[in-house]
All heavy atoms as atom14 arrays in JSON, in Angstrom:
{
  "sequence": "LVSENDLQMSLFHQEHKIENAHLSKAMDAIN",
  "atom14_mask": [
    [1, 1, 1, 1, 1, 1, 1, 1, 0, 0, 0, 0, 0, 0],
    [1, 1, 1, 1, 1, 1, 1, 0, 0, 0, 0, 0, 0, 0],
    [1, 1, 1, 1, 1, 1, 0, 0, 0, 0, 0, 0, 0, 0],
    [1, 1, 1, 1, 1, 1, 1, 1, 1, 0, 0, 0, 0, 0],
    [1, 1, 1, 1, 1, 1, 1, 1, 0, 0, 0, 0, 0, 0],
    [1, 1, 1, 1, 1, 1, 1, 1, 0, 0, 0, 0, 0, 0],
    [1, 1, 1, 1, 1, 1, 1, 1, 0, 0, 0, 0, 0, 0],
    [1, 1, 1, 1, 1, 1, 1, 1, 1, 0, 0, 0, 0, 0],
    [1, 1, 1, 1, 1, 1, 1, 1, 0, 0, 0, 0, 0, 0],
    [1, 1, 1, 1, 1, 1, 0, 0, 0, 0, 0, 0, 0, 0],
    [1, 1, 1, 1, 1, 1, 1, 1, 0, 0, 0, 0, 0, 0],
    [1, 1, 1, 1, 1, 1, 1, 1, 1, 1, 1, 0, 0, 0],
    [1, 1, 1, 1, 1, 1, 1, 1, 1, 1, 0, 0, 0, 0],
    [1, 1, 1, 1, 1, 1, 1, 1, 1, 0, 0, 0, 0, 0],
    [1, 1, 1, 1, 1, 1, 1, 1, 1, 0, 0, 0, 0, 0],
    [1, 1, 1, 1, 1, 1, 1, 1, 1, 1, 0, 0, 0, 0],
    [1, 1, 1, 1, 1, 1, 1, 1, 1, 0, 0, 0, 0, 0],
    [1, 1, 1, 1, 1, 1, 1, 1, 0, 0, 0, 0, 0, 0],
    [1, 1, 1, 1, 1, 1, 1, 1, 1, 0, 0, 0, 0, 0],
    [1, 1, 1, 1, 1, 1, 1, 1, 0, 0, 0, 0, 0, 0],
    [1, 1, 1, 1, 1, 0, 0, 0, 0, 0, 0, 0, 0, 0],
    [1, 1, 1, 1, 1, 1, 1, 1, 1, 1, 0, 0, 0, 0],
    [1, 1, 1, 1, 1, 1, 1, 1, 0, 0, 0, 0, 0, 0],
    [1, 1, 1, 1, 1, 1, 0, 0, 0, 0, 0, 0, 0, 0],
    [1, 1, 1, 1, 1, 1, 1, 1, 1, 0, 0, 0, 0, 0],
    [1, 1, 1, 1, 1, 0, 0, 0, 0, 0, 0, 0, 0, 0],
    [1, 1, 1, 1, 1, 1, 1, 1, 0, 0, 0, 0, 0, 0],
    [1, 1, 1, 1, 1, 1, 1, 1, 0, 0, 0, 0, 0, 0],
    [1, 1, 1, 1, 1, 0, 0, 0, 0, 0, 0, 0, 0, 0],
    [1, 1, 1, 1, 1, 1, 1, 1, 0, 0, 0, 0, 0, 0],
    [1, 1, 1, 1, 1, 1, 1, 1, 0, 0, 0, 0, 0, 0]
  ],
  "atom14_positions": [
    [[15.13, 9.5, 18.96], [15.93, 8.53, 18.22], [15.3, 7.15, 18.28], [14.74, 6.74, 19.3], [17.36, 8.47, 18.77], [18.12, 9.8, 18.89], [19.58, 9.53, 19.26], [18.03, 10.62, 17.62], [0.0, 0.0, 0.0], [0.0, 0.0, 0.0], [0.0, 0.0, 0.0], [0.0, 0.0, 0.0], [0.0, 0.0, 0.0], [0.0, 0.0, 0.0]],
    [[15.41, 6.42, 17.19], [14.91, 5.06, 17.11], [15.97, 4.19, 16.45], [16.86, 4.69, 15.75], [13.59, 4.97, 16.31], [12.48, 5.72, 17.01], [13.78, 5.49, 14.88], [0.0, 0.0, 0.0], [0.0, 0.0, 0.0], [0.0, 0.0, 0.0], [0.0, 0.0, 0.0], [0.0, 0.0, 0.0], [0.0, 0.0, 0.0], [0.0, 0.0, 0.0]],
    [[15.9, 2.91, 16.69], [16.83, 1.98, 16.08], [16.57, 1.87, 14.58], [15.42, 1.94, 14.13], [16.72, 0.6, 16.74], [17.46, -0.36, 16.01], [0.0, 0.0, 0.0], [0.0, 0.0, 0.0], [0.0, 0.0, 0.0], [0.0, 0.0, 0.0], [0.0, 0.0, 0.0], [0.0, 0.0, 0.0], [0.0, 0.0, 0.0], [0.0, 0.0, 0.0]],
    [[17.64, 1.7, 13.83], [17.49, 1.5, 12.39], [16.62, 0.29, 12.08], [15.95, 0.24, 11.03], [18.86, 1.31, 11.73], [19.64, 2.57, 11.5], [20.92, 2.32, 10.74], [21.62, 1.32, 11.04], [21.25, 3.11, 9.85], [0.0, 0.0, 0.0], [0.0, 0.0, 0.0], [0.0, 0.0, 0.0], [0.0, 0.0, 0.0], [0.0, 0.0, 0.0]],
    [[16.63, -0.68, 12.96], [15.88, -1.91, 12.74], [14.38, -1.75, 13.02], [13.6, -2.65, 12.72], [16.43, -3.03, 13.61], [17.89, -3.33, 13.32], [18.32, -3.27, 12.16], [18.68, -3.64, 14.35], [0.0, 0.0, 0.0], [0.0, 0.0, 0.0], [0.0, 0.0, 0.0], [0.0, 0.0, 0.0], [0.0, 0.0, 0.0], [0.0, 0.0, 0.0]],
    [[14.02, -0.62, 13.65], [12.62, -0.41, 14.03], [11.96, 0.72, 13.25], [10.96, 1.28, 13.69], [12.53, -0.11, 15.53], [13.06, -1.24, 16.38], [12.93, -2.41, 15.96], [13.61, -0.97, 17.47], [0.0, 0.0, 0.0], [0.0, 0.0, 0.0], [0.0, 0.0, 0.0], [0.0, 0.0, 0.0], [0.0, 0.0, 0.0], [0.0, 0.0, 0.0]],
    [[12.52, 1.08, 12.1], [11.98, 2.19, 11.33], [10.61, 1.84, 10.76], [10.4, 0.76, 10.2], [12.92, 2.57, 10.18], [14.31, 3.07, 10.58], [15.09, 3.51, 9.35], [14.2, 4.23, 11.56], [0.0, 0.0, 0.0], [0.0, 0.0, 0.0], [0.0, 0.0, 0.0], [0.0, 0.0, 0.0], [0.0, 0.0, 0.0], [0.0, 0.0, 0.0]],
    [[9.66, 2.75, 10.91], [8.34, 2.61, 10.33], [8.1, 3.75, 9.35], [7.92, 4.89, 9.73], [7.27, 2.61, 11.42], [7.3, 1.39, 12.32], [6.14, 1.35, 13.29], [5.34, 2.26, 13.35], [6.02, 0.27, 14.04], [0.0, 0.0, 0.0], [0.0, 0.0, 0.0], [0.0, 0.0, 0.0], [0.0, 0.0, 0.0], [0.0, 0.0, 0.0]],
    [[8.15, 3.42, 8.08], [7.98, 4.41, 7.04], [6.52, 4.58, 6.66], [5.69, 3.69, 6.91], [8.79, 4.01, 5.79], [10.27, 3.8, 6.05], [11.1, 5.32, 6.6], [12.79, 4.77, 6.68], [0.0, 0.0, 0.0], [0.0, 0.0, 0.0], [0.0, 0.0, 0.0], [0.0, 0.0, 0.0], [0.0, 0.0, 0.0], [0.0, 0.0, 0.0]],
    [[6.23, 5.71, 6.08], [4.91, 5.96, 5.53], [4.64, 4.98, 4.38], [5.56, 4.52, 3.69], [4.82, 7.4, 5.02], [3.74, 7.58, 4.15], [0.0, 0.0, 0.0], [0.0, 0.0, 0.0], [0.0, 0.0, 0.0], [0.0, 0.0, 0.0], [0.0, 0.0, 0.0], [0.0, 0.0, 0.0], [0.0, 0.0, 0.0], [0.0, 0.0, 0.0]],
    [[3.37, 4.66, 4.19], [2.98, 3.75, 3.12], [3.44, 4.26, 1.76], [3.77, 3.5, 0.86], [1.47, 3.56, 3.13], [0.88, 2.63, 2.08], [1.37, 1.2, 2.32], [-0.66, 2.67, 2.13], [0.0, 0.0, 0.0], [0.0, 0.0, 0.0], [0.0, 0.0, 0.0], [0.0, 0.0, 0.0], [0.0, 0.0, 0.0], [0.0, 0.0, 0.0]],
    [[3.5, 5.57, 1.61], [3.86, 6.18, 0.33], [5.3, 6.7, 0.32], [5.69, 7.45, -0.57], [2.89, 7.34, 0.03], [1.45, 6.93, 0.04], [0.64, 7.24, 1.12], [0.91, 6.21, -1.02], [-0.69, 6.86, 1.16], [-0.44, 5.83, -0.99], [-1.23, 6.15, 0.09], [0.0, 0.0, 0.0], [0.0, 0.0, 0.0], [0.0, 0.0, 0.0]],
    [[6.08, 6.31, 1.33], [7.46, 6.78, 1.44], [8.31, 6.23, 0.32], [8.31, 5.03, 0.04], [8.07, 6.38, 2.78], [9.52, 6.72, 2.88], [9.96, 7.97, 3.15], [10.63, 5.94, 2.71], [11.28, 7.97, 3.17], [11.72, 6.74, 2.92], [0.0, 0.0, 0.0], [0.0, 0.0, 0.0], [0.0, 0.0, 0.0], [0.0, 0.0, 0.0]],
    [[9.05, 7.09, -0.33], [10.0, 6.69, -1.36], [11.32, 7.4, -1.09], [11.4, 8.62, -1.15], [9.5, 7.04, -2.76], [8.31, 6.2, -3.2], [7.92, 6.49, -4.64], [8.35, 7.45, -5.25], [7.08, 5.63, -5.2], [0.0, 0.0, 0.0], [0.0, 0.0, 0.0], [0.0, 0.0, 0.0], [0.0, 0.0, 0.0], [0.0, 0.0, 0.0]],
    [[12.34, 6.63, -0.79], [13.65, 7.19, -0.52], [14.25, 7.76, -1.79], [14.33, 7.1, -2.81], [14.58, 6.09, 0.06], [15.93, 6.58, 0.48], [15.97, 6.91, 1.93], [15.05, 6.5, 2.61], [16.9, 7.53, 2.4], [0.0, 0.0, 0.0], [0.0, 0.0, 0.0], [0.0, 0.0, 0.0], [0.0, 0.0, 0.0], [0.0, 0.0, 0.0]],
    [[14.66, 9.02, -1.74], [15.3, 9.64, -2.88], [16.66, 8.98, -3.09], [17.34, 8.6, -2.14], [15.48, 11.14, -2.64], [15.84, 11.91, -3.87], [17.12, 11.97, -4.34], [15.09, 12.63, -4.71], [17.14, 12.7, -5.43], [15.92, 13.13, -5.68], [0.0, 0.0, 0.0], [0.0, 0.0, 0.0], [0.0, 0.0, 0.0], [0.0, 0.0, 0.0]],
    [[17.03, 8.81, -4.34], [18.26, 8.08, -4.64], [19.5, 8.69, -3.99], [20.44, 7.98, -3.62], [18.46, 7.98, -6.16], [18.65, 9.33, -6.87], [18.84, 9.12, -8.36], [19.05, 10.44, -9.08], [19.24, 10.24, -10.55], [0.0, 0.0, 0.0], [0.0, 0.0, 0.0], [0.0, 0.0, 0.0], [0.0, 0.0, 0.0], [0.0, 0.0, 0.0]],
    [[19.52, 10.01, -3.83], [20.69, 10.68, -3.27], [20.79, 10.44, -1.75], [21.83, 10.65, -1.14], [20.67, 12.18, -3.59], [22.07, 12.76, -3.51], [19.71, 12.94, -2.66], [22.21, 14.15, -4.09], [0.0, 0.0, 0.0], [0.0, 0.0, 0.0], [0.0, 0.0, 0.0], [0.0, 0.0, 0.0], [0.0, 0.0, 0.0], [0.0, 0.0, 0.0]],
    [[19.66, 10.01, -1.18], [19.64, 9.74, 0.25], [19.84, 8.26, 0.56], [19.65, 7.82, 1.68], [18.32, 10.21, 0.85], [18.12, 11.72, 0.74], [16.74, 12.17, 1.19], [15.97, 11.34, 1.69], [16.45, 13.34, 1.05], [0.0, 0.0, 0.0], [0.0, 0.0, 0.0], [0.0, 0.0, 0.0], [0.0, 0.0, 0.0], [0.0, 0.0, 0.0]],
    [[20.22, 7.52, -0.43], [20.45, 6.1, -0.25], [21.51, 5.85, 0.8], [22.53, 6.53, 0.88], [20.87, 5.48, -1.58], [20.83, 3.97, -1.55], [21.64, 3.35, -0.88], [19.87, 3.38, -2.26], [0.0, 0.0, 0.0], [0.0, 0.0, 0.0], [0.0, 0.0, 0.0], [0.0, 0.0, 0.0], [0.0, 0.0, 0.0], [0.0, 0.0, 0.0]],
    [[21.28, 4.86, 1.64], [22.22, 4.55, 2.72], [23.61, 4.21, 2.23], [24.6, 4.42, 2.94], [21.67, 3.39, 3.55], [0.0, 0.0, 0.0], [0.0, 0.0, 0.0], [0.0, 0.0, 0.0], [0.0, 0.0, 0.0], [0.0, 0.0, 0.0], [0.0, 0.0, 0.0], [0.0, 0.0, 0.0], [0.0, 0.0, 0.0], [0.0, 0.0, 0.0]],
    [[23.71, 3.69, 0.99], [25.02, 3.33, 0.45], [25.92, 4.55, 0.31], [27.15, 4.45, 0.47], [24.85, 2.64, -0.91], [24.16, 1.31, -0.82], [24.66, 0.25, -0.08], [22.99, 0.88, -1.36], [23.84, -0.78, -0.19], [22.82, -0.43, -0.96], [0.0, 0.0, 0.0], [0.0, 0.0, 0.0], [0.0, 0.0, 0.0], [0.0, 0.0, 0.0]],
    [[25.34, 5.71, 0.03], [26.13, 6.93, -0.12], [26.76, 7.32, 1.21], [27.95, 7.65, 1.29], [25.26, 8.06, -0.66], [25.95, 9.42, -0.85], [27.13, 9.3, -1.8], [24.95, 10.46, -1.39], [0.0, 0.0, 0.0], [0.0, 0.0, 0.0], [0.0, 0.0, 0.0], [0.0, 0.0, 0.0], [0.0, 0.0, 0.0], [0.0, 0.0, 0.0]],
    [[25.96, 7.29, 2.28], [26.48, 7.62, 3.61], [27.57, 6.65, 4.03], [28.59, 7.05, 4.59], [25.35, 7.59, 4.65], [24.43, 8.65, 4.43], [0.0, 0.0, 0.0], [0.0, 0.0, 0.0], [0.0, 0.0, 0.0], [0.0, 0.0, 0.0], [0.0, 0.0, 0.0], [0.0, 0.0, 0.0], [0.0, 0.0, 0.0], [0.0, 0.0, 0.0]],
    [[27.36, 5.36, 3.76], [28.36, 4.36, 4.12], [29.66, 4.58, 3.36], [30.75, 4.42, 3.91], [27.81, 2.96, 3.86], [26.71, 2.54, 4.82], [26.22, 1.13, 4.52], [25.12, 0.71, 5.5], [24.61, -0.66, 5.21], [0.0, 0.0, 0.0], [0.0, 0.0, 0.0], [0.0, 0.0, 0.0], [0.0, 0.0, 0.0], [0.0, 0.0, 0.0]],
    [[29.54, 4.94, 2.08], [30.74, 5.19, 1.27], [31.5, 6.4, 1.79], [32.73, 6.37, 1.9], [30.34, 5.4, -0.19], [0.0, 0.0, 0.0], [0.0, 0.0, 0.0], [0.0, 0.0, 0.0], [0.0, 0.0, 0.0], [0.0, 0.0, 0.0], [0.0, 0.0, 0.0], [0.0, 0.0, 0.0], [0.0, 0.0, 0.0], [0.0, 0.0, 0.0]],
    [[30.78, 7.48, 2.14], [31.43, 8.67, 2.69], [32.09, 8.37, 4.03], [33.22, 8.8, 4.28], [30.39, 9.79, 2.86], [29.87, 10.36, 1.55], [28.54, 11.57, 1.78], [29.4, 12.89, 2.64], [0.0, 0.0, 0.0], [0.0, 0.0, 0.0], [0.0, 0.0, 0.0], [0.0, 0.0, 0.0], [0.0, 0.0, 0.0], [0.0, 0.0, 0.0]],
    [[31.41, 7.6, 4.87], [31.99, 7.22, 6.17], [33.26, 6.4, 5.98], [34.25, 6.6, 6.7], [30.97, 6.42, 6.99], [29.79, 7.26, 7.47], [29.91, 8.51, 7.46], [28.75, 6.67, 7.83], [0.0, 0.0, 0.0], [0.0, 0.0, 0.0], [0.0, 0.0, 0.0], [0.0, 0.0, 0.0], [0.0, 0.0, 0.0], [0.0, 0.0, 0.0]],
    [[33.24, 5.48, 5.03], [34.4, 4.62, 4.79], [35.61, 5.43, 4.32], [36.74, 5.22, 4.78], [34.05, 3.55, 3.76], [0.0, 0.0, 0.0], [0.0, 0.0, 0.0], [0.0, 0.0, 0.0], [0.0, 0.0, 0.0], [0.0, 0.0, 0.0], [0.0, 0.0, 0.0], [0.0, 0.0, 0.0], [0.0, 0.0, 0.0], [0.0, 0.0, 0.0]],
    [[35.37, 6.37, 3.41], [36.45, 7.21, 2.89], [37.03, 8.09, 4.0], [38.25, 8.21, 4.16], [35.95, 8.07, 1.72], [35.6, 7.17, 0.52], [37.02, 9.09, 1.31], [34.9, 7.91, -0.6], [0.0, 0.0, 0.0], [0.0, 0.0, 0.0], [0.0, 0.0, 0.0], [0.0, 0.0, 0.0], [0.0, 0.0, 0.0], [0.0, 0.0, 0.0]],
    [[36.15, 8.72, 4.78], [36.61, 9.61, 5.85], [37.31, 8.84, 6.97], [38.23, 9.36, 7.6], [35.43, 10.4, 6.42], [34.92, 11.45, 5.46], [35.67, 11.98, 4.65], [33.63, 11.75, 5.51], [0.0, 0.0, 0.0], [0.0, 0.0, 0.0], [0.0, 0.0, 0.0], [0.0, 0.0, 0.0], [0.0, 0.0, 0.0], [0.0, 0.0, 0.0]]
  ]
}
């Protein structure tokens, strides 16, 4: 495990839209 503030992504990393952090936050808020 690593801190969210210390994430080191690959140079070519592209977050898929469905994996966007906003989706997780929205689900957490509703639940």
